[in-house]
Amino acid sequence: MRELQTARGTALTGNKIASGPEPPGTIASVSSPARPRRTVAALLAVAVAVLVTDIITKMVVVATLSDRAPVRLLGGFLTLRVTRNPGAAFSIGPSLTVVFAVIAVGVIVFILRTSRRIQSLAWAVTLGLLLGGATGNLIDRLARYPGPFRGYVVDWIQIPHWPVFNVADSCIVCGGVLAVFLAVRGVRIDASAADRQLAAQPRGAQHAADAPEPRDESAPASREGPGAHGADGTHGADGAPGAGGADGAPRSQDPRGGGGA
């Protein structure tokens, strides 16, 4: 009966009931269906911001700096110049333009497929940087001279002792560094902040909430419990032998062995 009463009070909404016993240390998912939508929205927002910034800056520098000498800023630390790069980021592999274009397409498809199971906001930002940067450079390879999948990428930012790069290149590098950092920290793509906090708790604390409540021994025994009998006076309501009648009061005993009134 107590188990039925406990089941009757169980909430019908919330985490689903496991179909079988879980091994020790298993952490149930506490994420809500809205979490993937929020992380996907964050990923796309970062990617669109990177892509728009990269396209606009390339258009501006091509229109204003193509026929001008390099512009030196910050005492020569930053130089703005327009260069055409047939290779990958930072002018790597200039003879592999088609290969890098195909790789960029594969990276974009992989990120879009992975986005459906992202729970971590940090991973959403990381993949958004990679998606926006890869898309920005891929547009150059598809739309610029000399033709599709062979187009030159516009680079325009130069700092001392570093190859010329653009906004997309810098976002790709930042995304790669963040990905390595999150992987070293053990942050999973499909783990939310609540899941990571639960995983950081000691194993005993993880199951404390699921443990049954201790039975209150001070509560009176049920009418059907052991020691509760009828009105014959052999057991009282507290189950003590020798107790009195139905009201639980002890009967007086006659010293000569006679019963009380």
Foldseek 3Di string as FASTA:
>chain_A
DVVVVVVVPDDPDADDDDPDDDDFPDADDRDDPCQLVVLLVLLQVLLVVLQVVQVVVLVVCCVPAVPHDWDAPPNNQKIWHKDWAQDDFLNPPNPCQLVLLVVLVVLLVVLVVLSNQFRENLLSNLSSLLNNLSVNQNCQCDPAPPHHSRGTGIFTIDGPPGGTGTSSSVSNVVSVVSVVVCVVVVNDRNAHPVNVVLSPDDSVVNCPVVDDDDDDPPDFDDCPDPLRDAQPQQGESNSDGQFGGPVRHHWDADPVGDTHD
